[in-house]
Amino acid sequence: METTVALITLLVLLFLNVPIFISLIASVLLYFGIGGQLPLMIAVQRVIGGIESIPLLAVPFFVMMGVVMNYTGITRRMIKFSEVLTGHLPGGLAQVNVLLSTLLGGVSGSNIADAAMQSKVLVPEMVRQGQDKGFAAAVTAASSLITPIIPPGIGLIIYGFTANVSIGKMFMAGIVPGAMTCGLMMFMVHIIAKKRGYLPSRERMARPKEVFAATKEAFFALMLPLVIIGGIRFGVFTPTEAGAIAVVAAFILGLLVYKEMKVQDVKSVMVETITTTASVMLIIGAASAFAWFLTWERIPQQVAEVVLSVVDNKYVFLLLVNVLLLIVGMFIEGNAAMLVLVPLLMPILTALEIDPVHFGLIFIFNMAIGTLTPPMGTVMFTVCSVTGVKIKDFMRAVWPFYLLLVVCLLFITYVPAISLFLPNLIIK
């Protein structure tokens, strides 16, 4: 009975838009309070134990790296580099927008931060160049969904911790899907831009000399993701240590190389990092306690038995899971959904012989798509708030990109090699 009450409470609170960690804690406290069979101290221990993890130390480091990026001039250099490469294509800055999201995914790791930044920087300029404001907002929001699957996305780290799989493999697994999504989205922008007559932002393709100059200026920023991936691959450092090294490298870039970061900015960086990390860790701790009592009640095993009695084909199961996750992503924040649902689904993945690294990309991509849709689409609300675009205008403009993202999801789901090629090739 207490399990049913706790689960119903969680769902009701989530639908009432109560903060995720409060909803989880409330359901946990109800479970322990109603049952009375287990001491409340276990819930406290599980909340604390949930965040006492070496892999999770990578989270504040990569959060800080994304914050430092805003003070170092990395963003401006990435924009210039992207425009040199793609500004001559139909759509101009819309193409720059997509490529920039992919490049920044290797630096910021946060799709909301990416969407907010590009909404402020690129959308006004896209509108000045004659592009529809709704289209500009839609491109910004849709392309920001590439960020979570490009290393070092925070979701990749949290999934690796939750599913007990190599974070290094998760980082590698996101590269090809991210590049594929970027290419297909640029193709979609090309088609829409040609149809609407959106002109390039450059009159001609950049000459080799211009490309070299832009690459040289952005060189150190472009090297950050390669340093992270290369160091993990060759065993120079762990993913957690990679985060610390990336932060040091970002500070060096800002203070000594680009000289655009001031010493007084360090305080702002620390405050932003602490507040962002605290919100993530609160959710992880609460979800850890929630997952513990589900495991104690053998809910994952029962769910696995029920599902496997109905579906014994992994391809049908993946289709059903995609539908479920797309719906869940509309209502629940992605990392919270991951911490709750992944422990439930792991026994089924094992029974159906589905690679957990492959499933991780499926899960994260589904949750990313959910951020584009009402009623709780965080990226949608962020972009519309910053740009001033109405929700109805945004939804009208974003649907071609939404369909494209679903196509990408199906590719990732049913062609495992897209996700597993690099991890199997590079990490043995």
Protein backbone atom coordinates (compact mmCIF):
# COMPACT_ATOMS: atom_id res chain seq x y z
CA MET A 1 0.00 0.00 0.00
CA GLU A 2 2.74 2.45 0.98
CA THR A 3 4.44 1.92 -2.39
CA THR A 4 1.24 2.75 -4.28
CA VAL A 5 0.64 5.87 -2.19
CA ALA A 6 4.24 7.04 -2.70
CA LEU A 7 4.05 6.56 -6.48
CA ILE A 8 0.68 8.31 -6.79
CA THR A 9 1.99 11.19 -4.67
CA LEU A 10 5.01 11.58 -6.92
CA LEU A 11 2.89 11.69 -10.08
CA VAL A 12 0.41 14.19 -8.60
CA LEU A 13 3.17 16.52 -7.39
CA LEU A 14 4.95 16.37 -10.75
CA PHE A 15 1.76 17.25 -12.61
CA LEU A 16 1.25 20.15 -10.18
CA ASN A 17 4.68 21.42 -11.26
CA VAL A 18 6.21 21.00 -7.78
CA PRO A 19 10.05 21.03 -8.02
CA ILE A 20 11.41 17.59 -8.89
CA PHE A 21 13.53 17.03 -5.79
CA ILE A 22 10.67 18.04 -3.46
CA SER A 23 8.30 15.65 -5.25
CA LEU A 24 10.78 12.80 -4.90
CA ILE A 25 11.57 13.53 -1.24
CA ALA A 26 7.85 13.77 -0.40
CA SER A 27 7.15 10.37 -1.96
CA VAL A 28 10.13 8.83 -0.12
CA LEU A 29 9.03 10.26 3.24
CA LEU A 30 5.48 9.00 2.68
CA TYR A 31 6.79 5.49 1.93
CA PHE A 32 8.87 5.34 5.11
CA GLY A 33 6.23 7.13 7.22
CA ILE A 34 3.24 5.01 6.21
CA GLY A 35 4.96 1.64 6.32
CA GLY A 36 6.80 2.13 9.59
CA GLN A 37 8.80 -1.06 8.92
CA LEU A 38 12.01 0.73 7.99
CA PRO A 39 13.67 3.51 10.01
CA LEU A 40 13.55 6.99 8.50
CA MET A 41 17.32 7.19 8.92
CA ILE A 42 17.69 4.84 5.92
CA ALA A 43 16.04 7.45 3.70
CA VAL A 44 18.50 10.07 4.95
CA GLN A 45 21.41 7.70 4.38
CA ARG A 46 20.25 6.92 0.84
CA VAL A 47 19.94 10.62 -0.06
CA ILE A 48 23.48 11.26 1.18
CA GLY A 49 24.82 8.00 -0.25
CA GLY A 50 23.33 8.80 -3.63
CA ILE A 51 25.65 11.75 -4.12
CA GLU A 52 28.74 10.13 -2.56
CA SER A 53 30.10 8.86 -5.86
CA ILE A 54 33.43 9.37 -7.59
CA PRO A 55 31.87 9.54 -11.11
CA LEU A 56 29.53 12.31 -9.95
CA LEU A 57 32.52 14.48 -9.09
CA ALA A 58 32.73 15.10 -12.83
CA VAL A 59 29.41 17.00 -12.75
CA PRO A 60 30.56 20.18 -10.94
CA PHE A 61 33.76 20.28 -13.01
CA PHE A 62 31.97 20.14 -16.36
CA VAL A 63 29.31 22.57 -15.10
CA MET A 64 32.10 24.97 -14.17
CA MET A 65 33.74 24.54 -17.55
CA GLY A 66 30.48 25.57 -19.23
CA VAL A 67 30.18 28.62 -16.97
CA VAL A 68 33.81 29.66 -17.53
CA MET A 69 33.17 29.51 -21.28
CA ASN A 70 30.85 32.51 -21.00
CA TYR A 71 33.63 34.66 -19.58
CA THR A 72 36.56 33.63 -21.78
CA GLY A 73 35.61 34.63 -25.32
CA ILE A 74 35.27 30.99 -26.39
CA THR A 75 31.68 31.54 -27.53
CA ARG A 76 32.54 34.49 -29.74
CA ARG A 77 35.39 32.59 -31.40
CA MET A 78 33.15 29.56 -31.96
CA ILE A 79 30.52 31.77 -33.62
CA LYS A 80 33.09 33.27 -35.96
CA PHE A 81 34.52 29.84 -36.78
CA SER A 82 31.04 28.46 -37.51
CA GLU A 83 30.12 31.41 -39.72
CA VAL A 84 33.29 31.05 -41.78
CA LEU A 85 32.45 27.38 -42.43
CA THR A 86 28.69 27.62 -43.06
CA GLY A 87 27.77 31.30 -43.60
CA HIS A 88 27.72 30.89 -47.38
CA LEU A 89 24.95 28.26 -47.24
CA PRO A 90 21.24 29.09 -47.65
CA GLY A 91 19.94 30.24 -44.30
CA GLY A 92 23.27 31.76 -43.30
CA LEU A 93 23.10 32.28 -39.54
CA ALA A 94 20.58 29.44 -39.16
CA GLN A 95 23.30 27.10 -40.42
CA VAL A 96 25.77 28.77 -38.06
CA ASN A 97 23.27 28.18 -35.25
CA VAL A 98 23.18 24.41 -35.84
CA LEU A 99 26.95 23.99 -36.19
CA LEU A 100 27.57 26.18 -33.14
CA SER A 101 25.32 23.98 -30.98
CA THR A 102 27.35 20.95 -32.01
CA LEU A 103 30.66 22.64 -31.28
CA LEU A 104 29.49 24.07 -27.97
CA GLY A 105 28.22 20.63 -26.96
CA GLY A 106 31.86 19.69 -26.49
CA VAL A 107 32.36 22.65 -24.17
CA SER A 108 29.19 23.55 -22.27
CA GLY A 109 27.40 20.19 -21.92
CA SER A 110 24.05 21.93 -21.25
CA ASN A 111 21.33 22.34 -23.88
CA ILE A 112 19.45 24.96 -21.82
CA ALA A 113 22.60 27.08 -21.45
CA ASP A 114 23.31 26.67 -25.16
CA ALA A 115 19.73 27.61 -26.13
CA ALA A 116 19.69 30.67 -23.84
CA MET A 117 23.02 31.95 -25.11
CA GLN A 118 22.18 31.55 -28.79
CA SER A 119 18.73 33.07 -28.26
CA LYS A 120 20.43 36.23 -27.01
CA VAL A 121 23.30 36.32 -29.51
CA LEU A 122 22.09 34.82 -32.79
CA VAL A 123 18.30 35.14 -32.94
CA PRO A 124 18.20 38.98 -33.08
CA GLU A 125 20.78 38.95 -35.87
CA MET A 126 18.87 36.24 -37.76
CA VAL A 127 15.73 38.39 -37.58
CA ARG A 128 17.65 41.46 -38.79
CA GLN A 129 18.76 39.43 -41.81
CA GLY A 130 15.13 38.79 -42.74
CA GLN A 131 14.44 35.42 -41.12
CA ASP A 132 11.14 34.79 -39.39
CA LYS A 133 11.46 35.12 -35.60
CA GLY A 134 9.57 31.89 -34.96
CA PHE A 135 11.87 30.04 -37.36
CA ALA A 136 14.95 31.53 -35.67
CA ALA A 137 13.68 30.43 -32.25
CA ALA A 138 12.81 26.94 -33.55
CA VAL A 139 16.26 26.43 -35.07
CA THR A 140 17.90 27.58 -31.85
CA ALA A 141 15.82 25.26 -29.67
CA ALA A 142 16.01 22.22 -31.96
CA SER A 143 19.75 22.48 -32.57
CA SER A 144 20.43 22.83 -28.83
CA LEU A 145 19.22 19.24 -28.43
CA ILE A 146 22.47 18.09 -30.03
CA THR A 147 24.35 19.39 -26.98
CA PRO A 148 23.29 16.68 -24.43
CA ILE A 149 24.59 13.81 -26.57
CA ILE A 150 27.93 15.43 -27.43
CA PRO A 151 30.59 14.78 -24.77
CA PRO A 152 30.89 15.97 -22.05
CA GLY A 153 27.09 16.20 -21.70
CA ILE A 154 26.00 16.05 -18.06
CA GLY A 155 23.28 13.52 -18.98
CA LEU A 156 25.96 11.13 -20.28
CA ILE A 157 27.72 11.29 -16.91
CA ILE A 158 24.55 10.79 -14.87
CA TYR A 159 23.42 7.87 -17.05
CA GLY A 160 26.85 6.22 -16.74
CA PHE A 161 26.58 6.55 -12.94
CA THR A 162 22.97 5.29 -12.81
CA ALA A 163 23.37 2.36 -15.20
CA ASN A 164 26.87 1.50 -13.95
CA VAL A 165 28.46 1.73 -17.40
CA SER A 166 31.69 3.37 -18.49
CA ILE A 167 31.37 7.16 -18.75
CA GLY A 168 34.21 7.05 -21.26
CA LYS A 169 32.11 4.77 -23.47
CA MET A 170 29.11 7.05 -23.07
CA PHE A 171 31.22 10.00 -24.20
CA MET A 172 32.39 8.10 -27.28
CA ALA A 173 28.86 6.87 -28.05
CA GLY A 174 27.50 10.39 -28.41
CA ILE A 175 29.89 11.63 -31.08
CA VAL A 176 28.46 9.92 -34.20
CA PRO A 177 24.76 10.48 -33.28
CA GLY A 178 25.57 14.13 -32.57
CA ALA A 179 27.34 14.59 -35.90
CA MET A 180 24.54 12.77 -37.75
CA THR A 181 21.86 14.97 -36.16
CA CYS A 182 23.88 18.09 -36.97
CA GLY A 183 24.19 17.09 -40.65
CA LEU A 184 20.51 16.23 -41.05
CA MET A 185 19.42 19.42 -39.30
CA MET A 186 21.64 21.56 -41.53
CA PHE A 187 20.04 19.82 -44.53
CA MET A 188 16.57 20.66 -43.14
CA VAL A 189 17.60 24.31 -42.66
CA HIS A 190 18.89 24.33 -46.26
CA ILE A 191 15.51 23.14 -47.60
CA ILE A 192 13.46 25.62 -45.55
CA ALA A 193 15.83 28.50 -46.33
CA LYS A 194 15.68 27.83 -50.09
CA LYS A 195 11.88 27.63 -49.94
CA ARG A 196 11.55 30.92 -48.02
CA GLY A 197 14.36 32.75 -49.76
CA TYR A 198 16.57 33.21 -46.68
CA LEU A 199 19.92 34.42 -47.98
CA PRO A 200 23.38 33.37 -46.81
CA SER A 201 25.15 35.66 -44.34
CA ARG A 202 28.27 35.56 -46.54
CA GLU A 203 28.36 36.30 -50.25
CA ARG A 204 30.75 33.44 -51.05
CA MET A 205 32.42 30.43 -49.54
CA ALA A 206 35.31 31.34 -47.26
CA ARG A 207 38.76 31.14 -48.77
CA PRO A 208 41.33 28.75 -47.25
CA LYS A 209 43.12 31.74 -45.75
CA GLU A 210 39.95 32.84 -43.92
CA VAL A 211 39.26 29.31 -42.70
CA PHE A 212 42.82 29.02 -41.41
CA ALA A 213 42.57 32.37 -39.60
CA ALA A 214 39.26 31.45 -37.92
CA THR A 215 40.59 28.00 -37.00
CA LYS A 216 43.72 29.52 -35.54
CA GLU A 217 41.71 31.94 -33.40
CA ALA A 218 39.40 29.18 -32.12
CA PHE A 219 42.11 26.50 -31.99
CA PHE A 220 42.45 26.15 -28.21
CA ALA A 221 38.68 26.16 -27.73
CA LEU A 222 38.32 23.44 -30.36
CA MET A 223 41.03 21.39 -28.67
CA LEU A 224 39.19 21.20 -25.32
CA PRO A 225 36.82 18.34 -26.34
CA LEU A 226 39.69 16.49 -28.02
CA VAL A 227 41.82 16.76 -24.89
CA ILE A 228 38.94 15.37 -22.81
CA ILE A 229 38.19 12.46 -25.14
CA GLY A 230 41.83 11.69 -25.94
CA GLY A 231 42.92 11.74 -22.31
CA ILE A 232 40.14 9.34 -21.29
CA ARG A 233 40.81 7.04 -24.24
CA PHE A 234 44.53 6.70 -23.60
CA GLY A 235 44.17 6.35 -19.85
CA VAL A 236 45.89 9.61 -19.02
CA PHE A 237 43.03 10.54 -16.70
CA THR A 238 39.56 9.39 -15.66
CA PRO A 239 36.37 11.23 -16.72
CA THR A 240 36.32 12.92 -13.30
CA GLU A 241 39.93 14.05 -13.62
CA ALA A 242 39.16 15.14 -17.20
CA GLY A 243 36.59 17.57 -15.82
CA ALA A 244 39.15 19.11 -13.46
CA ILE A 245 41.73 19.40 -16.24
CA ALA A 246 39.14 20.97 -18.56
CA VAL A 247 38.33 23.61 -15.92
CA VAL A 248 42.02 24.45 -15.47
CA ALA A 249 42.43 24.65 -19.25
CA ALA A 250 39.38 26.93 -19.55
CA PHE A 251 40.74 29.26 -16.86
CA ILE A 252 44.12 29.38 -18.59
CA LEU A 253 42.42 30.24 -21.88
CA GLY A 254 40.39 33.00 -20.30
CA LEU A 255 43.04 34.56 -18.07
CA LEU A 256 46.31 34.01 -19.94
CA VAL A 257 45.64 33.17 -23.61
CA TYR A 258 42.53 35.14 -24.65
CA LYS A 259 42.86 37.55 -21.68
CA GLU A 260 39.13 38.29 -21.75
CA MET A 261 38.38 36.92 -18.29
CA LYS A 262 39.02 39.10 -15.24
CA VAL A 263 40.03 37.91 -11.79
CA GLN A 264 36.81 39.32 -10.33
CA ASP A 265 34.83 37.07 -12.70
CA VAL A 266 36.03 34.03 -10.75
CA LYS A 267 33.56 34.81 -7.95
CA SER A 268 30.64 34.86 -10.43
CA VAL A 269 31.86 31.59 -11.94
CA MET A 270 31.95 29.94 -8.51
CA VAL A 271 28.46 31.15 -7.57
CA GLU A 272 26.90 29.96 -10.85
CA THR A 273 28.69 26.61 -10.59
CA ILE A 274 27.60 26.03 -6.99
CA THR A 275 23.94 26.89 -7.62
CA THR A 276 23.71 24.75 -10.77
CA THR A 277 25.55 21.80 -9.19
CA ALA A 278 23.43 22.00 -6.04
CA SER A 279 20.20 21.74 -8.04
CA VAL A 280 21.50 18.70 -9.91
CA MET A 281 22.78 16.99 -6.77
CA LEU A 282 19.52 17.56 -4.88
CA ILE A 283 17.67 15.71 -7.63
CA ILE A 284 20.25 12.90 -7.70
CA GLY A 285 20.14 12.44 -3.92
CA ALA A 286 16.34 12.39 -3.79
CA ALA A 287 16.10 10.07 -6.79
CA SER A 288 18.66 7.73 -5.23
CA ALA A 289 16.46 7.29 -2.13
CA PHE A 290 13.41 6.82 -4.35
CA ALA A 291 15.18 4.19 -6.47
CA TRP A 292 16.32 2.41 -3.30
CA PHE A 293 12.82 1.80 -1.97
CA LEU A 294 11.66 0.69 -5.43
CA THR A 295 14.47 -1.87 -5.44
CA TRP A 296 13.64 -2.89 -1.86
CA GLU A 297 10.07 -3.60 -2.97
CA ARG A 298 11.40 -5.48 -6.04
CA ILE A 299 9.47 -3.14 -8.36
CA PRO A 300 12.11 -3.32 -11.17
CA GLN A 301 11.94 -7.11 -11.21
CA GLN A 302 8.14 -7.09 -11.20
CA VAL A 303 8.05 -4.55 -14.04
CA ALA A 304 10.53 -6.69 -15.99
CA GLU A 305 8.39 -9.81 -15.51
CA VAL A 306 5.22 -8.03 -16.65
CA VAL A 307 6.88 -6.45 -19.69
CA LEU A 308 8.63 -9.66 -20.74
CA SER A 309 5.38 -11.62 -20.44
CA VAL A 310 3.87 -9.28 -23.05
CA VAL A 311 6.88 -8.34 -25.21
CA ASP A 312 9.75 -10.69 -25.91
CA ASN A 313 11.11 -8.90 -28.98
CA LYS A 314 13.67 -6.20 -28.25
CA TYR A 315 12.75 -4.15 -31.32
CA VAL A 316 9.10 -3.95 -30.27
CA PHE A 317 10.22 -3.16 -26.73
CA LEU A 318 12.44 -0.30 -27.96
CA LEU A 319 9.53 1.11 -29.97
CA LEU A 320 7.27 1.05 -26.91
CA VAL A 321 9.99 2.55 -24.72
CA ASN A 322 10.49 5.38 -27.22
CA VAL A 323 6.78 6.22 -27.10
CA LEU A 324 6.82 6.07 -23.28
CA LEU A 325 9.94 8.24 -22.97
CA LEU A 326 8.68 10.85 -25.44
CA ILE A 327 5.56 11.22 -23.27
CA VAL A 328 7.53 11.21 -20.00
CA GLY A 329 9.93 13.82 -21.40
CA MET A 330 7.00 16.22 -21.87
CA PHE A 331 6.33 16.24 -18.12
CA ILE A 332 9.51 15.34 -16.22
CA GLU A 333 13.02 16.81 -16.31
CA GLY A 334 15.36 14.44 -18.16
CA ASN A 335 17.93 13.73 -15.44
CA ALA A 336 15.22 13.08 -12.86
CA ALA A 337 13.39 10.72 -15.24
CA MET A 338 16.68 8.93 -15.90
CA LEU A 339 17.41 8.39 -12.22
CA VAL A 340 13.93 6.97 -11.62
CA LEU A 341 13.34 4.93 -14.80
CA VAL A 342 16.75 3.50 -15.68
CA PRO A 343 16.89 1.24 -12.56
CA LEU A 344 13.41 -0.02 -13.50
CA LEU A 345 14.41 -0.81 -17.07
CA MET A 346 17.85 -2.32 -16.52
CA PRO A 347 16.59 -5.88 -15.80
CA ILE A 348 14.60 -5.79 -19.06
CA LEU A 349 17.65 -4.59 -21.02
CA THR A 350 19.66 -7.47 -19.62
CA ALA A 351 16.95 -10.02 -20.45
CA LEU A 352 16.56 -8.74 -24.03
CA GLU A 353 20.34 -8.35 -24.52
CA ILE A 354 20.16 -4.63 -25.28
CA ASP A 355 23.50 -2.86 -24.87
CA PRO A 356 23.18 -0.36 -21.97
CA VAL A 357 25.46 2.15 -23.74
CA HIS A 358 23.22 2.06 -26.83
CA PHE A 359 20.13 2.41 -24.64
CA GLY A 360 21.72 5.36 -22.87
CA LEU A 361 21.82 7.36 -26.11
CA ILE A 362 18.20 6.39 -26.84
CA PHE A 363 17.12 7.55 -23.39
CA ILE A 364 19.01 10.85 -23.44
CA PHE A 365 17.84 11.71 -26.97
CA ASN A 366 14.22 11.02 -25.99
CA MET A 367 14.50 13.27 -22.95
CA ALA A 368 16.08 15.99 -25.10
CA ILE A 369 13.14 15.89 -27.54
CA GLY A 370 10.79 16.23 -24.56
CA THR A 371 12.29 19.63 -23.73
CA LEU A 372 10.77 20.99 -26.98
CA THR A 373 7.19 20.14 -26.13
CA PRO A 374 4.50 21.48 -23.77
CA PRO A 375 3.53 21.41 -20.98
CA MET A 376 6.99 21.40 -19.33
CA GLY A 377 9.43 21.79 -22.24
CA THR A 378 12.32 23.58 -20.54
CA VAL A 379 14.18 24.49 -23.74
CA MET A 380 10.95 25.65 -25.40
CA PHE A 381 10.13 27.96 -22.48
CA THR A 382 13.72 29.22 -22.24
CA VAL A 383 13.91 30.15 -25.93
CA CYS A 384 10.44 31.67 -26.04
CA SER A 385 11.15 33.69 -22.89
CA VAL A 386 14.44 35.10 -24.18
CA THR A 387 13.26 35.78 -27.75
CA GLY A 388 9.70 36.90 -26.96
CA VAL A 389 8.20 34.37 -29.39
CA LYS A 390 4.71 33.10 -28.51
CA ILE A 391 4.36 29.39 -27.78
CA LYS A 392 1.88 28.89 -30.63
CA ASP A 393 4.24 30.57 -33.13
CA PHE A 394 7.12 28.47 -31.83
CA MET A 395 5.16 25.22 -32.18
CA ARG A 396 4.14 26.16 -35.71
CA ALA A 397 7.77 26.72 -36.69
CA VAL A 398 9.38 23.81 -34.84
CA TRP A 399 7.31 20.88 -36.14
CA PRO A 400 9.57 20.07 -39.17
CA PHE A 401 12.54 19.89 -36.81
CA TYR A 402 10.55 17.79 -34.35
CA LEU A 403 9.80 15.26 -37.09
CA LEU A 404 13.47 15.28 -38.08
CA LEU A 405 14.52 14.61 -34.48
CA VAL A 406 12.11 11.65 -34.31
CA VAL A 407 13.70 10.27 -37.51
CA CYS A 408 17.14 10.66 -35.90
CA LEU A 409 15.81 8.87 -32.82
CA LEU A 410 14.65 5.93 -34.94
CA PHE A 411 18.07 5.74 -36.61
CA ILE A 412 19.79 5.74 -33.21
CA THR A 413 17.34 3.13 -31.89
CA TYR A 414 17.41 0.61 -34.73
CA VAL A 415 20.97 1.06 -36.00
CA PRO A 416 23.02 0.37 -32.85
CA ALA A 417 26.28 0.83 -34.76
CA ILE A 418 25.62 4.59 -34.86
CA SER A 419 26.10 4.68 -31.09
CA LEU A 420 28.41 1.71 -30.56
CA PHE A 421 30.87 2.04 -33.44
CA LEU A 422 33.31 4.41 -31.72
CA PRO A 423 33.09 2.89 -28.21
CA ASN A 424 33.73 -0.62 -29.59
CA LEU A 425 36.48 0.62 -31.86
CA ILE A 426 38.38 2.79 -29.39
CA ILE A 427 37.61 1.49 -25.89
CA LYS A 428 38.09 -2.23 -25.39
